[in-house]
Amino acid sequence: MSIYIGNLPYEVTSETLKEVFTEYGTVNRVHIPTDRETGRVRGFAFVEMATEEEESKAIETLDGAEWMSRELRVNKAKPREKKDFNRGGGGRRRDNF
């Protein structure tokens, strides 16, 4: 499981996030998504910790905390939704006769 961290400043780095979350346990991985076109940080990140107990402790402590002049949103990351490209708008028009 991983932790979602939102409302991050654009200056955030993997190293600074790791420093913060190491206070609550072992950090296995930090991922900061960037915009494909600009390469700029998108304002959120994911942190994976060694145990769920460590994750829970970090979430409880850091959710709503002020860090780098921003109020963090910290919670369990939700599984990524699969996109269904066969549904929804666009594509070829079908006429039913």
Protein backbone atom coordinates (compact mmCIF):
# COMPACT_ATOMS: atom_id res chain seq x y z
CA MET A 1 0.00 0.00 0.00
CA SER A 2 1.14 3.55 -0.49
CA ILE A 3 0.36 7.00 0.83
CA TYR A 4 -0.96 9.88 -1.28
CA ILE A 5 0.37 13.34 -0.42
CA GLY A 6 -1.45 16.28 -1.97
CA ASN A 7 -1.11 20.05 -2.01
CA LEU A 8 2.67 19.88 -2.33
CA PRO A 9 4.73 22.90 -3.39
CA TYR A 10 6.33 22.67 -6.83
CA GLU A 11 9.80 22.87 -5.24
CA VAL A 12 9.42 19.50 -3.49
CA THR A 13 12.02 16.78 -4.15
CA SER A 14 12.14 13.07 -3.46
CA GLU A 15 14.87 13.68 -0.92
CA THR A 16 12.90 16.24 1.10
CA LEU A 17 9.81 14.01 1.18
CA LYS A 18 11.89 11.02 2.21
CA GLU A 19 13.38 13.03 5.09
CA VAL A 20 9.91 13.91 6.39
CA PHE A 21 8.47 10.40 6.14
CA THR A 22 11.57 8.68 7.56
CA GLU A 23 10.59 10.15 10.92
CA TYR A 24 7.67 7.68 10.92
CA GLY A 25 9.45 4.58 9.64
CA THR A 26 11.28 3.05 6.71
CA VAL A 27 10.55 4.64 3.34
CA ASN A 28 10.72 2.10 0.51
CA ARG A 29 9.89 4.42 -2.39
CA VAL A 30 8.98 8.02 -3.21
CA HIS A 31 7.29 8.88 -6.52
CA ILE A 32 6.60 12.47 -7.57
CA PRO A 33 4.66 12.61 -10.87
CA THR A 34 5.62 15.32 -13.32
CA ASP A 35 3.76 16.91 -16.21
CA ARG A 36 4.65 15.22 -19.51
CA GLU A 37 4.92 18.44 -21.45
CA THR A 38 6.61 20.77 -18.98
CA GLY A 39 8.42 18.34 -16.68
CA ARG A 40 7.08 20.35 -13.73
CA VAL A 41 5.99 18.63 -10.51
CA ARG A 42 2.19 18.18 -10.48
CA GLY A 43 1.68 19.00 -6.79
CA PHE A 44 1.22 15.51 -5.40
CA ALA A 45 3.31 12.43 -4.63
CA PHE A 46 3.20 8.85 -3.41
CA VAL A 47 5.27 7.35 -0.61
CA GLU A 48 5.55 3.63 0.13
CA MET A 49 6.58 2.65 3.63
CA ALA A 50 7.71 -0.69 5.05
CA THR A 51 4.62 -1.44 7.16
CA GLU A 52 0.98 -0.39 7.36
CA GLU A 53 1.56 0.66 10.96
CA GLU A 54 4.22 3.15 9.82
CA GLU A 55 1.93 4.40 7.06
CA SER A 56 -0.95 4.91 9.49
CA LYS A 57 1.27 6.82 11.91
CA ALA A 58 2.51 9.12 9.11
CA ILE A 59 -1.02 9.71 7.80
CA GLU A 60 -2.42 10.54 11.25
CA THR A 61 0.40 12.94 12.02
CA LEU A 62 0.90 14.67 8.67
CA ASP A 63 -2.65 15.04 7.30
CA GLY A 64 -3.47 18.72 7.66
CA ALA A 65 0.03 19.63 8.85
CA GLU A 66 1.69 22.72 7.44
CA TRP A 67 4.88 22.03 5.51
CA MET A 68 6.73 24.45 3.23
CA SER A 69 3.88 26.97 3.71
CA ARG A 70 1.24 24.47 2.45
CA GLU A 71 -1.37 22.43 4.31
CA LEU A 72 -0.72 18.81 3.35
CA ARG A 73 -3.42 16.31 2.43
CA VAL A 74 -2.18 12.87 3.38
CA ASN A 75 -4.18 9.65 3.07
CA LYS A 76 -4.01 6.07 1.82
CA ALA A 77 -3.60 6.00 -1.92
CA LYS A 78 -6.53 4.59 -3.85
CA PRO A 79 -5.83 1.92 -6.48
CA ARG A 80 -5.40 3.34 -9.94
CA GLU A 81 -8.55 3.00 -12.02
CA LYS A 82 -8.25 1.21 -15.32
CA LYS A 83 -9.40 3.37 -18.18
CA ASP A 84 -11.93 1.74 -20.45
CA PHE A 85 -11.18 3.03 -23.92
CA ASN A 86 -14.17 1.16 -25.37
CA ARG A 87 -16.68 3.31 -23.49
CA GLY A 88 -17.51 6.96 -23.50
CA GLY A 89 -17.45 9.66 -26.11
CA GLY A 90 -15.54 9.89 -29.33
CA GLY A 91 -14.59 7.19 -31.69
CA ARG A 92 -16.48 5.87 -34.67
CA ARG A 93 -20.19 6.59 -34.97
CA ARG A 94 -22.44 3.57 -35.24
CA ASP A 95 -25.84 3.81 -36.85
CA ASN A 96 -28.31 1.17 -35.77
CA PHE A 97 -30.70 0.36 -38.60
